[in-house]
């Protein structure tokens, strides 16, 4: 059961404001220090943290992800301070699947007199039975309210998706409590710089390795569809548009890579006989050596021999930049990839659980006063009732005449229920009881004419 706050505590959920960015930054940083494995995840570390940008860099940070939305929970009886936050973003271009990037709760109340003082404790591992719920709110209470708010706010979302560390019992309980079910298990691997150098010594056999453009979106969509099971494919709900990049998106990505000193290199393997893409890789290189390289790899299930070839190609690309480790992810429905990574000596650094939840929004229907759905059965049958007493016709007259001829007592035994029928019956009796002559003798003879 979802915990309910006391009636005296009013929680207002609204988008995060600019003045709250510092509190959110400290909250996310403290949460990341408790779980160091999250820092090695390829896509989540940059999506979770609010980094303290300055000047143009901070302004561009608000433009990079215009579709991402961040909501916060505020207590009106605690000087309108931030108590929790949730960050969500669309997972696909059609915006039918949304992703929960992070849920966090601030448990320590800042002193109202000194607004600049930072909270001393932002840990989420706090028991649920706190004596002062308004001061130390539980993750299950505020987190459930934030999740429910997003479910009701984002009407276009049919499915929600998230990743949570298997060791984070508090978040696992929160997501299970709000209807999320396991979808797949993700494992994140780390390759050291010396291992990459050893792999790069092998010459890759990729004669049909081509660069990626928007014209190849159909091929990449078919490869992505074939590389995942039907349930995951239904949740992701990707289309050909998800593999295209707009001009504005390309410009923003270029500015982002320039500011963060990174570079994106991608390519795919084309099969000329089947006219299909059978392998795809994308690697994010760090040119200043401040963070690990991050790679994405997709291989057709029927061409698993491409794993060593594509890995050798990516290792050769990393040799052009300062030496750094390489991060790579695999799922439980890709046993060949996990077997290959174990064989080359990759290290498991994180193990997460991908969870999903479907949402069915109830349509608000306005029924008209004269709609058929609002009519009762008695009201429908009311129109078939006669408005006045029926007038006897020829059939009723003939039926009465036949009864009177066959059974004279039937007319007398029948109750006089209708005045019109009784008059007709009396008329019939008068017609049937006409006076007749009882003298059957021959008429008198006339005499002869004189």
Protein backbone atom coordinates (compact mmCIF):
# COMPACT_ATOMS: atom_id res chain seq x y z
CA UNK A 1 0.00 0.00 0.00
CA UNK A 2 1.18 3.51 -0.83
CA UNK A 3 1.68 5.62 2.24
CA UNK A 4 -0.45 8.71 2.56
CA UNK A 5 0.81 11.90 4.08
CA UNK A 6 -1.06 13.41 7.04
CA UNK A 7 -3.85 15.84 6.33
CA UNK A 8 -1.83 18.69 7.84
CA UNK A 9 0.98 18.17 5.32
CA UNK A 10 0.24 19.51 1.86
CA UNK A 11 2.53 18.42 -0.98
CA UNK A 12 2.65 20.49 -4.16
CA UNK A 13 4.21 18.86 -7.23
CA UNK A 14 5.41 21.23 -9.93
CA UNK A 15 8.35 21.50 -12.37
CA UNK A 16 11.80 22.14 -10.96
CA UNK A 17 12.73 25.81 -10.94
CA UNK A 18 16.10 27.38 -11.61
CA UNK A 19 16.69 28.12 -7.94
CA UNK A 20 16.37 24.40 -7.12
CA UNK A 21 19.18 23.23 -9.42
CA UNK A 22 21.85 23.43 -6.71
CA UNK A 23 19.81 21.30 -4.29
CA UNK A 24 19.10 18.77 -7.03
CA UNK A 25 22.80 18.71 -7.93
CA UNK A 26 23.81 17.92 -4.37
CA UNK A 27 21.06 15.34 -4.03
CA UNK A 28 22.09 13.49 -7.20
CA UNK A 29 25.78 13.70 -6.31
CA UNK A 30 25.17 12.22 -2.85
CA UNK A 31 23.02 9.46 -4.33
CA UNK A 32 25.73 8.63 -6.88
CA UNK A 33 28.39 8.41 -4.15
CA UNK A 34 26.32 5.80 -2.32
CA UNK A 35 26.01 3.67 -5.46
CA UNK A 36 29.27 3.92 -7.38
CA UNK A 37 28.16 1.36 -9.96
CA UNK A 38 25.80 3.89 -11.53
CA UNK A 39 28.70 6.05 -12.60
CA UNK A 40 29.82 3.34 -15.00
CA UNK A 41 26.52 3.01 -16.81
CA UNK A 42 26.76 4.28 -20.35
CA UNK A 43 23.73 6.50 -20.73
CA UNK A 44 22.49 7.09 -17.21
CA UNK A 45 25.37 9.03 -15.67
CA UNK A 46 25.03 11.97 -18.02
CA UNK A 47 21.25 11.86 -17.92
CA UNK A 48 20.93 11.75 -14.14
CA UNK A 49 23.27 14.46 -12.92
CA UNK A 50 22.73 18.20 -13.08
CA UNK A 51 26.26 19.42 -13.59
CA UNK A 52 27.11 22.98 -12.52
CA UNK A 53 27.41 24.56 -15.95
CA UNK A 54 28.53 28.16 -16.10
CA UNK A 55 27.52 30.85 -18.58
CA UNK A 56 26.87 29.63 -22.11
CA UNK A 57 27.55 26.04 -21.12
CA UNK A 58 24.76 26.11 -18.51
CA UNK A 59 22.34 27.82 -20.90
CA UNK A 60 22.98 25.20 -23.58
CA UNK A 61 22.39 22.48 -20.98
CA UNK A 62 18.75 23.50 -20.86
CA UNK A 63 18.45 23.29 -24.65
CA UNK A 64 20.13 19.93 -25.19
CA UNK A 65 17.20 17.93 -23.87
CA UNK A 66 14.06 20.03 -24.35
CA UNK A 67 11.83 16.96 -24.05
CA UNK A 68 13.12 16.00 -20.61
CA UNK A 69 10.89 17.02 -17.74
CA UNK A 70 11.78 17.25 -14.08
CA UNK A 71 9.16 17.53 -11.34
CA UNK A 72 9.70 18.30 -7.68
CA UNK A 73 7.67 17.76 -4.52
CA UNK A 74 7.39 20.80 -2.26
CA UNK A 75 5.94 21.06 1.25
CA UNK A 76 3.94 24.24 1.78
CA UNK A 77 4.22 24.00 5.56
CA UNK A 78 8.04 23.82 5.42
CA UNK A 79 8.77 27.17 3.76
CA UNK A 80 8.04 25.70 0.31
CA UNK A 81 11.29 23.71 0.22
CA UNK A 82 12.17 20.90 -2.17
CA UNK A 83 11.54 17.45 -0.67
CA UNK A 84 11.82 15.15 -3.69
CA UNK A 85 12.46 15.11 -7.41
CA UNK A 86 11.79 12.89 -10.42
CA UNK A 87 13.22 13.20 -13.89
CA UNK A 88 11.54 11.67 -16.91
CA UNK A 89 12.23 11.75 -20.63
CA UNK A 90 10.65 10.27 -23.79
CA UNK A 91 12.29 7.04 -24.91
CA UNK A 92 11.20 7.12 -28.57
CA UNK A 93 10.25 9.72 -31.15
CA UNK A 94 6.53 8.90 -31.05
CA UNK A 95 6.63 9.54 -27.27
CA UNK A 96 4.59 6.41 -26.60
CA UNK A 97 7.25 5.11 -24.18
CA UNK A 98 8.73 7.31 -21.45
CA UNK A 99 11.67 6.63 -19.19
CA UNK A 100 12.08 7.37 -15.49
CA UNK A 101 15.63 8.66 -15.24
CA UNK A 102 15.80 9.24 -11.48
CA UNK A 103 13.72 9.41 -8.31
CA UNK A 104 15.28 10.93 -5.18
CA UNK A 105 14.06 12.36 -1.88
CA UNK A 106 15.56 15.04 0.36
CA UNK A 107 15.24 13.84 3.95
CA UNK A 108 16.81 16.71 5.87
CA UNK A 109 15.00 20.01 6.25
CA UNK A 110 17.08 23.10 5.69
CA UNK A 111 16.81 25.77 8.39
CA UNK A 112 14.33 28.46 7.31
CA UNK A 113 16.53 31.22 8.70
CA UNK A 114 19.53 30.38 6.55
CA UNK A 115 18.45 29.47 3.05
CA UNK A 116 22.01 29.10 1.82
CA UNK A 117 22.85 26.26 4.24
CA UNK A 118 23.18 22.94 2.49
CA UNK A 119 21.50 19.80 3.86
CA UNK A 120 23.85 17.60 5.80
CA UNK A 121 22.15 14.29 5.01
CA UNK A 122 20.57 13.33 1.71
CA UNK A 123 20.62 9.60 2.13
CA UNK A 124 17.62 7.68 0.85
CA UNK A 125 18.21 4.70 3.13
CA UNK A 126 16.01 5.91 5.98
CA UNK A 127 13.39 3.80 7.76
CA UNK A 128 9.78 4.36 6.75
CA UNK A 129 8.54 4.89 10.31
CA UNK A 130 9.96 8.32 11.06
CA UNK A 131 8.37 10.20 13.94
CA UNK A 132 8.15 13.47 11.97
CA UNK A 133 6.96 12.61 8.52
CA UNK A 134 6.89 16.25 7.43
CA UNK A 135 10.59 16.66 8.24
CA UNK A 136 11.89 13.30 7.04
CA UNK A 137 9.74 11.96 4.25
CA UNK A 138 10.17 8.38 3.15
CA UNK A 139 11.16 7.43 -0.37
CA UNK A 140 8.09 5.24 -0.73
CA UNK A 141 5.73 8.08 0.19
CA UNK A 142 7.07 10.97 -1.85
CA UNK A 143 8.39 8.74 -4.65
CA UNK A 144 4.97 7.15 -5.17
CA UNK A 145 3.32 10.55 -5.35
CA UNK A 146 5.86 11.74 -7.90
CA UNK A 147 5.41 8.62 -10.02
CA UNK A 148 1.62 8.87 -9.91
CA UNK A 149 1.84 12.51 -10.89
CA UNK A 150 3.89 11.61 -13.98
CA UNK A 151 1.47 8.83 -14.90
CA UNK A 152 -1.41 11.30 -14.86
CA UNK A 153 0.51 14.21 -16.38
CA UNK A 154 1.95 12.48 -19.46
CA UNK A 155 -1.16 11.34 -21.31
CA UNK A 156 0.70 10.32 -24.45
CA UNK A 157 2.74 7.68 -22.58
CA UNK A 158 1.41 4.13 -22.95
CA UNK A 159 4.47 2.43 -21.41
CA UNK A 160 7.00 3.49 -18.79
CA UNK A 161 10.56 2.15 -18.66
CA UNK A 162 13.38 2.40 -16.13
CA UNK A 163 16.61 0.80 -14.94
CA UNK A 164 17.44 0.16 -11.29
CA UNK A 165 20.42 -1.44 -9.63
CA UNK A 166 19.69 -4.90 -8.28
CA UNK A 167 21.25 -3.98 -4.92
CA UNK A 168 19.08 -0.88 -4.41
CA UNK A 169 16.30 -2.48 -2.39
CA UNK A 170 14.55 0.81 -1.61
CA UNK A 171 14.08 1.77 -5.26
CA UNK A 172 13.15 -1.78 -6.21
CA UNK A 173 10.41 -1.76 -3.57
CA UNK A 174 9.21 1.65 -4.76
CA UNK A 175 8.94 0.60 -8.40
CA UNK A 176 7.31 -2.74 -7.64
CA UNK A 177 4.85 -0.97 -5.38
CA UNK A 178 3.81 1.26 -8.30
CA UNK A 179 3.24 -1.55 -10.81
CA UNK A 180 6.63 -1.97 -12.53
CA UNK A 181 7.53 -5.50 -13.61
CA UNK A 182 10.94 -6.94 -14.64
CA UNK A 183 11.61 -6.83 -18.37
CA UNK A 184 15.29 -7.77 -18.81
CA UNK A 185 18.53 -7.95 -16.85
CA UNK A 186 21.36 -5.68 -17.94
CA UNK A 187 25.06 -6.22 -17.24
CA UNK A 188 27.67 -3.49 -17.72
CA UNK A 189 31.22 -4.45 -18.58
CA UNK A 190 34.54 -2.62 -18.43
CA UNK A 191 37.54 -3.21 -20.69
CA UNK A 192 40.88 -1.84 -19.50
CA UNK A 193 43.18 0.17 -21.74
CA UNK A 194 45.76 -2.62 -22.03
CA UNK A 195 43.03 -5.08 -23.06
CA UNK A 196 41.90 -2.68 -25.78
CA UNK A 197 45.43 -2.40 -27.06
CA UNK A 198 45.72 -6.17 -27.23
CA UNK A 199 42.42 -6.49 -29.11
CA UNK A 200 43.42 -3.71 -31.53
CA UNK A 201 46.41 -5.74 -32.75
CA UNK A 202 44.04 -8.04 -34.64
CA UNK A 203 43.02 -6.87 -38.11
CA UNK A 204 39.18 -6.83 -38.39
CA UNK A 205 37.57 -8.58 -41.35
CA UNK A 206 34.80 -6.11 -42.22
CA UNK A 207 34.77 -5.49 -46.00
CA UNK A 208 31.29 -3.91 -45.99
CA UNK A 209 31.66 -1.50 -43.07
CA UNK A 210 29.81 1.70 -44.02
CA UNK A 211 29.18 5.03 -42.28
CA UNK A 212 25.69 5.80 -40.99
CA UNK A 213 23.34 8.39 -42.48
CA UNK A 214 19.60 9.05 -42.46
CA UNK A 215 19.27 6.99 -45.64
CA UNK A 216 20.20 3.89 -43.63
CA UNK A 217 17.41 4.32 -41.06
CA UNK A 218 15.33 1.51 -42.57
CA UNK A 219 18.23 -0.96 -42.37
CA UNK A 220 19.05 -0.03 -38.77
CA UNK A 221 15.40 -0.32 -37.79
CA UNK A 222 15.20 -3.84 -39.21
CA UNK A 223 18.41 -4.80 -37.39
CA UNK A 224 17.14 -3.40 -34.10
CA UNK A 225 13.86 -5.30 -34.52
CA UNK A 226 15.62 -8.61 -35.14
CA UNK A 227 18.08 -8.19 -32.25
CA UNK A 228 15.55 -8.16 -29.39
CA UNK A 229 12.70 -10.41 -28.21
CA UNK A 230 9.08 -9.46 -29.00
CA UNK A 231 8.25 -8.26 -25.47
CA UNK A 232 11.19 -5.85 -25.32
CA UNK A 233 10.43 -4.70 -28.86
CA UNK A 234 6.83 -3.94 -27.88
CA UNK A 235 7.93 -1.90 -24.86
CA UNK A 236 10.58 0.07 -26.76
CA UNK A 237 8.14 0.77 -29.63
CA UNK A 238 10.83 2.11 -31.92
CA UNK A 239 10.18 3.13 -35.50
CA UNK A 240 12.27 4.17 -38.46
CA UNK A 241 12.08 7.79 -37.30
CA UNK A 242 14.06 6.89 -34.16
CA UNK A 243 17.13 6.13 -36.29
CA UNK A 244 17.15 9.48 -38.07
CA UNK A 245 18.80 12.68 -36.89
CA UNK A 246 17.41 16.11 -37.63
CA UNK A 247 19.54 19.09 -38.59
CA UNK A 248 18.90 20.85 -35.29
CA UNK A 249 19.70 17.68 -33.37
CA UNK A 250 22.97 17.29 -35.25
CA UNK A 251 23.96 20.86 -34.45
CA UNK A 252 23.14 20.50 -30.77
CA UNK A 253 25.03 17.20 -30.58
CA UNK A 254 28.05 18.82 -32.20
CA UNK A 255 28.04 21.68 -29.70
CA UNK A 256 27.62 19.24 -26.81
CA UNK A 257 30.52 17.07 -27.94
CA UNK A 258 32.69 20.14 -28.42
CA UNK A 259 32.00 21.40 -24.91
CA UNK A 260 32.48 17.99 -23.28
CA UNK A 261 35.58 17.12 -25.40
CA UNK A 262 33.99 13.99 -26.82
CA UNK A 263 33.51 12.57 -30.30
CA UNK A 264 30.95 10.13 -31.70
CA UNK A 265 31.99 7.47 -34.24
CA UNK A 266 29.50 4.96 -35.68
CA UNK A 267 29.17 2.48 -38.50
CA UNK A 268 27.27 -0.61 -39.66
CA UNK A 269 28.02 -3.80 -41.54
CA UNK A 270 26.01 -4.31 -44.73
CA UNK A 271 25.13 -7.75 -46.13
CA UNK A 272 24.91 -7.33 -49.95
CA UNK A 273 23.26 -10.68 -50.60
CA UNK A 274 20.33 -10.11 -48.24
CA UNK A 275 20.38 -6.30 -48.58
CA UNK A 276 20.31 -5.91 -44.80
CA UNK A 277 22.38 -4.54 -41.94
CA UNK A 278 23.79 -7.31 -39.74
CA UNK A 279 25.90 -5.31 -37.28
CA UNK A 280 26.06 -1.81 -35.83
CA UNK A 281 28.34 0.02 -33.39
CA UNK A 282 28.52 3.50 -31.91
CA UNK A 283 31.37 4.62 -29.68
CA UNK A 284 31.71 7.85 -27.73
CA UNK A 285 35.37 8.81 -27.42
CA UNK A 286 36.74 11.03 -24.69
CA UNK A 287 39.56 13.16 -26.12
CA UNK A 288 40.90 14.53 -22.84
CA UNK A 289 40.91 11.23 -20.92
CA UNK A 290 38.64 12.55 -18.15
CA UNK A 291 35.99 9.84 -18.51
CA UNK A 292 35.76 6.32 -19.97
CA UNK A 293 34.80 5.63 -23.56
CA UNK A 294 31.25 4.38 -24.00
CA UNK A 295 30.13 1.98 -26.73
CA UNK A 296 26.86 0.66 -28.10
CA UNK A 297 26.80 -2.61 -30.01
CA UNK A 298 24.00 -4.34 -31.93
CA UNK A 299 24.55 -7.64 -33.75
CA UNK A 300 22.04 -9.78 -35.62
CA UNK A 301 21.44 -13.09 -33.75
CA UNK A 302 22.37 -15.07 -36.88
CA UNK A 303 25.75 -13.30 -37.26
CA UNK A 304 27.33 -13.63 -33.82
CA UNK A 305 30.75 -14.10 -35.45
CA UNK A 306 30.75 -10.30 -35.84
CA UNK A 307 31.45 -9.70 -32.13
CA UNK A 308 35.26 -10.09 -32.33
CA UNK A 309 35.37 -8.18 -35.61
CA UNK A 310 33.40 -5.18 -34.36
CA UNK A 311 35.23 -5.21 -31.03
CA UNK A 312 38.55 -5.12 -32.87
CA UNK A 313 37.30 -2.22 -34.96
CA UNK A 314 36.26 -0.22 -31.87
CA UNK A 315 39.54 -1.00 -30.13
CA UNK A 316 41.44 0.39 -33.12
CA UNK A 317 39.37 3.58 -32.97
CA UNK A 318 40.20 4.10 -29.28
CA UNK A 319 43.92 4.00 -30.03
CA UNK A 320 43.65 7.42 -31.71
CA UNK A 321 42.74 9.15 -28.42
CA UNK A 322 44.30 9.08 -24.92
CA UNK A 323 44.17 5.65 -23.32
CA UNK A 324 41.03 5.07 -21.29
CA UNK A 325 38.71 2.21 -20.35
CA UNK A 326 35.72 1.20 -22.48
CA UNK A 327 32.22 0.61 -21.14
CA UNK A 328 29.84 -1.82 -22.82
CA UNK A 329 26.42 -3.23 -21.92
CA UNK A 330 24.79 -6.60 -22.51
CA UNK A 331 21.37 -8.06 -21.70
CA UNK A 332 20.26 -11.49 -20.61
CA UNK A 333 18.79 -12.24 -24.06
CA UNK A 334 22.28 -11.88 -25.61
CA UNK A 335 24.18 -14.90 -24.27
CA UNK A 336 26.72 -14.87 -27.12
CA UNK A 337 27.84 -11.35 -26.24
CA UNK A 338 28.25 -12.16 -22.55
CA UNK A 339 30.19 -15.30 -23.41
CA UNK A 340 32.54 -13.36 -25.69
CA UNK A 341 33.12 -10.59 -23.12
CA UNK A 342 33.96 -13.15 -20.46
CA UNK A 343 36.36 -14.85 -22.84
CA UNK A 344 38.32 -11.68 -23.56
CA UNK A 345 38.58 -10.84 -19.84
CA UNK A 346 36.04 -8.00 -19.44
CA UNK A 347 35.05 -7.03 -15.89
CA UNK A 348 31.48 -6.86 -14.64
CA UNK A 349 30.98 -3.48 -12.98
CA UNK A 350 27.19 -3.15 -12.65
CA UNK A 351 24.11 -5.30 -12.79
CA UNK A 352 20.75 -3.59 -13.30
CA UNK A 353 17.16 -4.62 -13.79
CA UNK A 354 15.11 -3.12 -16.60
CA UNK A 355 11.48 -2.71 -15.55
CA UNK A 356 8.39 -1.57 -17.44
CA UNK A 357 4.83 -0.59 -16.70
CA UNK A 358 1.89 -0.03 -19.01
CA UNK A 359 -0.62 2.76 -18.42
CA UNK A 360 -4.21 2.76 -19.64
CA UNK A 361 -5.75 6.20 -19.34
CA UNK A 362 -9.49 6.36 -18.77
CA UNK A 363 -11.17 8.47 -21.43
CA UNK A 364 -13.36 11.26 -20.16
CA UNK A 365 -16.67 10.73 -22.02
CA UNK A 366 -19.48 13.29 -21.85
CA UNK A 367 -22.88 11.61 -22.27
CA UNK A 368 -25.62 13.63 -23.97
CA UNK A 369 -29.04 13.89 -22.30
CA UNK A 370 -30.71 11.97 -25.16
CA UNK A 371 -27.95 9.39 -25.59
CA UNK A 372 -29.09 5.80 -25.95
CA UNK A 373 -26.72 4.67 -23.19
CA UNK A 374 -28.55 6.81 -20.64
CA UNK A 375 -31.99 5.33 -21.41
CA UNK A 376 -33.38 2.59 -19.16
CA UNK A 377 -35.18 -0.48 -20.48
CA UNK A 378 -38.51 0.70 -19.13
CA UNK A 379 -38.08 4.01 -20.94
CA UNK A 380 -37.29 2.23 -24.18
CA UNK A 381 -40.36 -0.03 -23.95
CA UNK A 382 -42.58 2.89 -23.03
CA UNK A 383 -42.81 3.95 -26.66
CA UNK A 384 -44.28 0.60 -27.70
CA UNK A 385 -47.27 0.84 -25.34
CA UNK A 386 -50.63 1.87 -26.90
CA UNK A 387 -51.65 5.43 -26.21
CA UNK A 388 -55.46 4.60 -26.07
CA UNK A 389 -57.78 1.61 -26.13
CA UNK A 390 -57.81 -0.31 -29.40
CA UNK A 391 -60.85 -0.08 -31.72
CA UNK A 392 -62.28 -3.45 -32.80
CA UNK A 393 -61.75 -4.33 -36.42
CA UNK A 394 -63.04 -6.93 -38.86
CA UNK A 395 -60.99 -9.74 -37.39
CA UNK A 396 -62.44 -9.24 -33.91
CA UNK A 397 -65.99 -9.06 -35.31
CA UNK A 398 -65.55 -12.29 -37.25
CA UNK A 399 -64.04 -14.02 -34.23
CA UNK A 400 -67.02 -13.00 -32.08
CA UNK A 401 -69.48 -14.13 -34.76
CA UNK A 402 -67.83 -17.54 -35.05
CA UNK A 403 -67.92 -17.99 -31.28
CA UNK A 404 -71.56 -17.10 -31.13
CA UNK A 405 -72.52 -19.51 -33.92
CA UNK A 406 -70.55 -22.45 -32.55
CA UNK A 407 -71.16 -21.90 -28.84
CA UNK A 408 -74.02 -19.56 -27.99
CA UNK A 409 -73.15 -19.73 -24.28
CA UNK A 410 -69.65 -18.40 -24.92
CA UNK A 411 -70.94 -14.91 -25.59
CA UNK A 412 -72.92 -14.89 -22.36
CA UNK A 413 -70.07 -16.45 -20.29
CA UNK A 414 -67.49 -13.98 -21.50
CA UNK A 415 -67.12 -10.94 -19.21
CA UNK A 416 -68.21 -7.60 -20.52
CA UNK A 417 -64.83 -5.88 -20.39
CA UNK A 418 -65.21 -3.38 -23.18
CA UNK A 419 -68.20 -1.29 -24.02
CA UNK A 420 -67.43 -1.27 -27.72
CA UNK A 421 -67.14 -5.04 -27.85
CA UNK A 422 -70.38 -5.47 -25.91
CA UNK A 423 -72.23 -3.23 -28.35
CA UNK A 424 -70.88 -5.19 -31.27
CA UNK A 425 -71.88 -8.44 -29.58
CA UNK A 426 -75.42 -7.15 -28.99
CA UNK A 427 -75.61 -6.07 -32.61
CA UNK A 428 -74.59 -9.51 -33.73
CA UNK A 429 -77.20 -11.12 -31.50
CA UNK A 430 -79.89 -8.87 -32.91
CA UNK A 431 -78.87 -9.85 -36.40
CA UNK A 432 -78.87 -13.51 -35.57
CA UNK A 433 -82.30 -13.45 -33.74
CA UNK A 434 -84.39 -11.98 -36.57
CA UNK A 435 -88.16 -12.70 -36.35
CA UNK A 436 -89.29 -15.41 -38.81
CA UNK A 437 -92.74 -16.68 -39.81
CA UNK A 438 -93.76 -20.04 -38.31
CA UNK A 439 -96.65 -20.71 -40.76
CA UNK A 440 -95.38 -23.06 -43.42
CA UNK A 441 -98.79 -23.66 -45.19
CA UNK A 442 -99.33 -22.89 -48.85
CA UNK A 443 -100.57 -19.43 -49.70
CA UNK A 444 -104.26 -19.11 -50.64
CA UNK A 445 -105.27 -19.76 -54.24
CA UNK A 446 -106.53 -16.89 -56.31
CA UNK A 447 -109.63 -17.35 -58.27
CA UNK A 448 -110.01 -17.16 -62.03
CA UNK A 449 -110.44 -13.83 -63.52
CA UNK A 450 -113.83 -12.92 -64.55
